[in-house]
Amino acid sequence: MAPQPRTRSSLVDVLDRLLDRGAVLAADIVITVAGEPMLGLSLRAALGGIDALVAYGVFAADDPVLGLRPPPGAPGAGLAPPRPGGGDGEA
C-alpha cells in the first residue's frame, strides 16, 4: 500500500468536528501538603453544539435554558417565552 500524504486540518475543521460530535473533558486533581491530601477537585466539561448535547442527553430538547422555540404547529408555538424570574410583568 502506498503511503498517503498527510492532510492538514485547519482550526475551522477542528471546531466543526467538535461542535458536530462533541467532546467531554474530565480531570481529577488532588492537592497535597506534606504528603497528606488536602483538597480534591473533580472537573467535568461537555463541549459541543446544541444538537450534539441534546442527542447525548446533556440537555433536554425542551430545556428552558436553551431558549429553543417549538416548531410551527406544535403546542405552544405561538406563545412568548417565559420571562426571567417567573413574573408576569405586572408590578
N, C-alpha and C. Protein backbone atom coordinates (compact mmCIF):
# COMPACT_ATOMS: atom_id res chain seq x y z
N MET A 1 0.84 -1.15 0.00
CA MET A 1 0.00 0.00 0.00
C MET A 1 0.90 1.23 0.00
N ALA A 2 0.61 2.17 -0.88
CA ALA A 2 1.41 3.39 -0.98
C ALA A 2 1.06 4.34 0.16
N PRO A 3 2.05 5.04 0.70
CA PRO A 3 1.76 5.98 1.78
C PRO A 3 0.88 7.13 1.28
N GLN A 4 -0.03 7.54 2.12
CA GLN A 4 -0.93 8.64 1.79
C GLN A 4 -0.34 9.95 2.30
N PRO A 5 -0.45 11.02 1.53
CA PRO A 5 0.04 12.30 2.04
C PRO A 5 -0.82 12.78 3.20
N ARG A 6 -0.17 13.40 4.16
CA ARG A 6 -0.89 13.92 5.32
C ARG A 6 -1.67 15.16 4.92
N THR A 7 -2.87 15.24 5.37
CA THR A 7 -3.65 16.44 5.13
C THR A 7 -3.64 17.26 6.41
N ARG A 8 -3.60 18.56 6.25
CA ARG A 8 -3.59 19.44 7.41
C ARG A 8 -5.01 19.86 7.72
N SER A 9 -5.34 19.81 8.99
CA SER A 9 -6.65 20.25 9.43
C SER A 9 -6.54 21.70 9.88
N SER A 10 -7.44 22.49 9.41
CA SER A 10 -7.45 23.88 9.86
C SER A 10 -8.25 23.97 11.14
N LEU A 11 -8.16 25.11 11.79
CA LEU A 11 -8.91 25.33 13.01
C LEU A 11 -10.40 25.21 12.76
N VAL A 12 -10.85 25.65 11.61
CA VAL A 12 -12.27 25.55 11.27
C VAL A 12 -12.70 24.10 11.20
N ASP A 13 -11.88 23.23 10.63
CA ASP A 13 -12.21 21.80 10.56
C ASP A 13 -12.30 21.18 11.95
N VAL A 14 -11.38 21.56 12.83
CA VAL A 14 -11.38 21.03 14.19
C VAL A 14 -12.63 21.50 14.94
N LEU A 15 -12.95 22.79 14.84
CA LEU A 15 -14.15 23.31 15.50
C LEU A 15 -15.42 22.68 14.94
N ASP A 16 -15.47 22.48 13.64
CA ASP A 16 -16.64 21.85 13.02
C ASP A 16 -16.84 20.45 13.57
N ARG A 17 -15.78 19.69 13.68
CA ARG A 17 -15.88 18.32 14.21
C ARG A 17 -16.27 18.35 15.69
N LEU A 18 -15.69 19.28 16.45
CA LEU A 18 -16.00 19.37 17.87
C LEU A 18 -17.47 19.73 18.08
N LEU A 19 -17.98 20.70 17.34
CA LEU A 19 -19.37 21.11 17.51
C LEU A 19 -20.33 20.04 17.00
N ASP A 20 -19.93 19.31 15.96
CA ASP A 20 -20.80 18.28 15.39
C ASP A 20 -20.89 17.05 16.29
N ARG A 21 -19.77 16.59 16.81
CA ARG A 21 -19.74 15.35 17.59
C ARG A 21 -19.70 15.58 19.09
N GLY A 22 -19.10 16.68 19.53
CA GLY A 22 -18.97 16.97 20.95
C GLY A 22 -17.76 16.28 21.55
N ALA A 23 -17.40 16.73 22.74
CA ALA A 23 -16.27 16.15 23.47
C ALA A 23 -16.53 16.33 24.96
N VAL A 24 -15.99 15.42 25.74
CA VAL A 24 -16.09 15.51 27.19
C VAL A 24 -14.68 15.56 27.75
N LEU A 25 -14.44 16.58 28.57
CA LEU A 25 -13.16 16.71 29.24
C LEU A 25 -13.38 16.34 30.70
N ALA A 26 -12.48 15.52 31.24
CA ALA A 26 -12.59 15.10 32.64
C ALA A 26 -11.23 15.22 33.30
N ALA A 27 -11.22 15.76 34.52
CA ALA A 27 -9.97 15.89 35.25
C ALA A 27 -10.24 15.67 36.74
N ASP A 28 -9.35 14.96 37.38
CA ASP A 28 -9.38 14.78 38.83
C ASP A 28 -8.06 15.31 39.37
N ILE A 29 -8.16 16.29 40.28
CA ILE A 29 -6.97 16.94 40.83
C ILE A 29 -6.98 16.76 42.35
N VAL A 30 -5.85 16.35 42.89
CA VAL A 30 -5.69 16.23 44.34
C VAL A 30 -4.50 17.10 44.73
N ILE A 31 -4.75 18.03 45.65
CA ILE A 31 -3.69 18.89 46.16
C ILE A 31 -3.24 18.33 47.51
N THR A 32 -1.95 18.08 47.59
CA THR A 32 -1.41 17.50 48.83
C THR A 32 -0.41 18.46 49.47
N VAL A 33 -0.35 18.44 50.77
CA VAL A 33 0.64 19.21 51.54
C VAL A 33 1.33 18.22 52.47
N ALA A 34 2.64 18.14 52.37
CA ALA A 34 3.46 17.24 53.20
C ALA A 34 2.96 15.81 53.10
N GLY A 35 2.54 15.40 51.91
CA GLY A 35 2.12 14.02 51.70
C GLY A 35 0.70 13.72 52.11
N GLU A 36 -0.02 14.69 52.64
CA GLU A 36 -1.42 14.49 53.06
C GLU A 36 -2.34 15.17 52.06
N PRO A 37 -3.32 14.45 51.52
CA PRO A 37 -4.27 15.09 50.61
C PRO A 37 -5.11 16.12 51.35
N MET A 38 -5.14 17.34 50.83
CA MET A 38 -5.87 18.42 51.48
C MET A 38 -7.13 18.82 50.71
N LEU A 39 -7.07 18.72 49.40
CA LEU A 39 -8.18 19.19 48.59
C LEU A 39 -8.29 18.32 47.34
N GLY A 40 -9.52 17.92 47.04
CA GLY A 40 -9.75 17.13 45.84
C GLY A 40 -10.76 17.82 44.93
N LEU A 41 -10.46 17.89 43.67
CA LEU A 41 -11.35 18.50 42.68
C LEU A 41 -11.66 17.48 41.60
N SER A 42 -12.92 17.40 41.25
CA SER A 42 -13.35 16.55 40.15
C SER A 42 -14.05 17.45 39.14
N LEU A 43 -13.45 17.63 37.98
CA LEU A 43 -13.97 18.55 36.97
C LEU A 43 -14.47 17.78 35.76
N ARG A 44 -15.62 18.18 35.27
CA ARG A 44 -16.19 17.58 34.06
C ARG A 44 -16.73 18.71 33.19
N ALA A 45 -16.46 18.67 31.91
CA ALA A 45 -16.98 19.67 30.98
C ALA A 45 -17.40 18.98 29.70
N ALA A 46 -18.57 19.33 29.21
CA ALA A 46 -19.05 18.81 27.93
C ALA A 46 -19.03 19.96 26.93
N LEU A 47 -18.36 19.75 25.83
CA LEU A 47 -18.26 20.76 24.78
C LEU A 47 -18.90 20.22 23.52
N GLY A 48 -19.66 21.05 22.85
CA GLY A 48 -20.27 20.62 21.60
C GLY A 48 -21.40 21.54 21.20
N GLY A 49 -21.90 21.32 20.02
CA GLY A 49 -23.05 22.06 19.54
C GLY A 49 -24.29 21.61 20.29
N ILE A 50 -25.31 22.46 20.29
CA ILE A 50 -26.55 22.15 21.00
C ILE A 50 -27.15 20.84 20.49
N ASP A 51 -27.12 20.62 19.18
CA ASP A 51 -27.67 19.38 18.63
C ASP A 51 -26.97 18.15 19.21
N ALA A 52 -25.64 18.21 19.31
CA ALA A 52 -24.89 17.07 19.85
C ALA A 52 -25.19 16.88 21.33
N LEU A 53 -25.26 17.99 22.09
CA LEU A 53 -25.52 17.87 23.53
C LEU A 53 -26.93 17.38 23.81
N VAL A 54 -27.90 17.77 23.00
CA VAL A 54 -29.26 17.24 23.16
C VAL A 54 -29.28 15.76 22.81
N ALA A 55 -28.56 15.37 21.75
CA ALA A 55 -28.53 13.96 21.33
C ALA A 55 -27.90 13.07 22.41
N TYR A 56 -26.89 13.59 23.14
CA TYR A 56 -26.23 12.81 24.19
C TYR A 56 -26.93 12.91 25.53
N GLY A 57 -28.00 13.72 25.62
CA GLY A 57 -28.76 13.81 26.85
C GLY A 57 -28.22 14.81 27.86
N VAL A 58 -27.28 15.66 27.46
CA VAL A 58 -26.77 16.68 28.37
C VAL A 58 -27.85 17.71 28.62
N PHE A 59 -28.57 18.09 27.58
CA PHE A 59 -29.72 18.98 27.67
C PHE A 59 -30.95 18.25 27.17
N ALA A 60 -32.10 18.64 27.70
CA ALA A 60 -33.36 18.15 27.15
C ALA A 60 -33.76 19.09 26.01
N ALA A 61 -34.42 18.57 25.01
CA ALA A 61 -34.79 19.38 23.85
C ALA A 61 -35.71 20.52 24.24
N ASP A 62 -36.49 20.36 25.32
CA ASP A 62 -37.40 21.42 25.74
C ASP A 62 -36.87 22.18 26.96
N ASP A 63 -35.57 22.14 27.19
CA ASP A 63 -34.95 22.83 28.33
C ASP A 63 -35.11 24.34 28.17
N PRO A 64 -35.70 25.04 29.14
CA PRO A 64 -35.90 26.48 29.00
C PRO A 64 -34.58 27.26 28.96
N VAL A 65 -33.50 26.68 29.45
CA VAL A 65 -32.20 27.36 29.41
C VAL A 65 -31.77 27.57 27.96
N LEU A 66 -32.09 26.63 27.09
CA LEU A 66 -31.69 26.74 25.70
C LEU A 66 -32.46 27.82 24.95
N GLY A 67 -33.67 28.10 25.39
CA GLY A 67 -34.48 29.12 24.72
C GLY A 67 -34.95 28.69 23.34
N LEU A 68 -34.99 27.39 23.09
CA LEU A 68 -35.46 26.91 21.80
C LEU A 68 -36.97 27.05 21.71
N ARG A 69 -37.44 27.45 20.57
CA ARG A 69 -38.88 27.57 20.36
C ARG A 69 -39.39 26.29 19.68
N PRO A 70 -40.61 25.89 20.02
CA PRO A 70 -41.16 24.70 19.37
C PRO A 70 -41.38 24.98 17.88
N PRO A 71 -41.34 23.95 17.06
CA PRO A 71 -41.57 24.14 15.63
C PRO A 71 -42.98 24.65 15.37
N PRO A 72 -43.19 25.37 14.26
CA PRO A 72 -44.53 25.87 13.95
C PRO A 72 -45.55 24.73 13.92
N GLY A 73 -46.72 24.98 14.51
CA GLY A 73 -47.77 23.97 14.55
C GLY A 73 -47.74 23.12 15.80
N ALA A 74 -46.62 23.15 16.55
CA ALA A 74 -46.52 22.37 17.77
C ALA A 74 -47.28 23.09 18.89
N PRO A 75 -47.74 22.38 19.91
CA PRO A 75 -48.42 23.03 21.03
C PRO A 75 -47.52 24.09 21.66
N GLY A 76 -48.06 25.27 21.87
CA GLY A 76 -47.30 26.35 22.47
C GLY A 76 -46.43 27.13 21.50
N ALA A 77 -46.56 26.86 20.20
CA ALA A 77 -45.71 27.51 19.21
C ALA A 77 -45.95 29.00 19.13
N GLY A 78 -47.16 29.47 19.41
CA GLY A 78 -47.44 30.89 19.30
C GLY A 78 -47.23 31.64 20.60
N LEU A 79 -46.81 30.96 21.65
CA LEU A 79 -46.65 31.60 22.95
C LEU A 79 -45.28 32.25 23.07
N ALA A 80 -45.24 33.35 23.80
CA ALA A 80 -43.96 34.01 24.07
C ALA A 80 -43.20 33.21 25.11
N PRO A 81 -41.86 33.25 25.06
CA PRO A 81 -41.08 32.53 26.06
C PRO A 81 -41.30 33.14 27.44
N PRO A 82 -41.16 32.35 28.52
CA PRO A 82 -41.38 32.89 29.87
C PRO A 82 -40.35 33.95 30.19
N ARG A 83 -40.76 34.92 31.01
CA ARG A 83 -39.85 35.98 31.42
C ARG A 83 -38.95 35.47 32.52
N PRO A 84 -37.70 35.97 32.57
CA PRO A 84 -36.81 35.58 33.67
C PRO A 84 -37.41 35.97 35.01
N GLY A 85 -37.30 35.15 36.00
CA GLY A 85 -37.84 35.41 37.32
C GLY A 85 -39.28 34.94 37.50
N GLY A 86 -39.93 34.53 36.41
CA GLY A 86 -41.26 33.97 36.50
C GLY A 86 -42.36 34.98 36.68
N GLY A 87 -42.04 36.30 36.62
CA GLY A 87 -43.06 37.32 36.79
C GLY A 87 -43.92 37.46 35.54
N ASP A 88 -45.09 38.06 35.74
CA ASP A 88 -45.98 38.26 34.60
C ASP A 88 -45.87 39.67 34.03
N GLY A 89 -44.93 40.47 34.55
CA GLY A 89 -44.70 41.80 34.03
C GLY A 89 -45.48 42.87 34.74
N GLU A 90 -46.42 42.49 35.62
CA GLU A 90 -47.21 43.48 36.34
C GLU A 90 -46.57 43.72 37.71
N ALA A 91 -46.61 44.99 38.13
CA ALA A 91 -45.99 45.33 39.41
C ALA A 91 -47.01 45.40 40.52
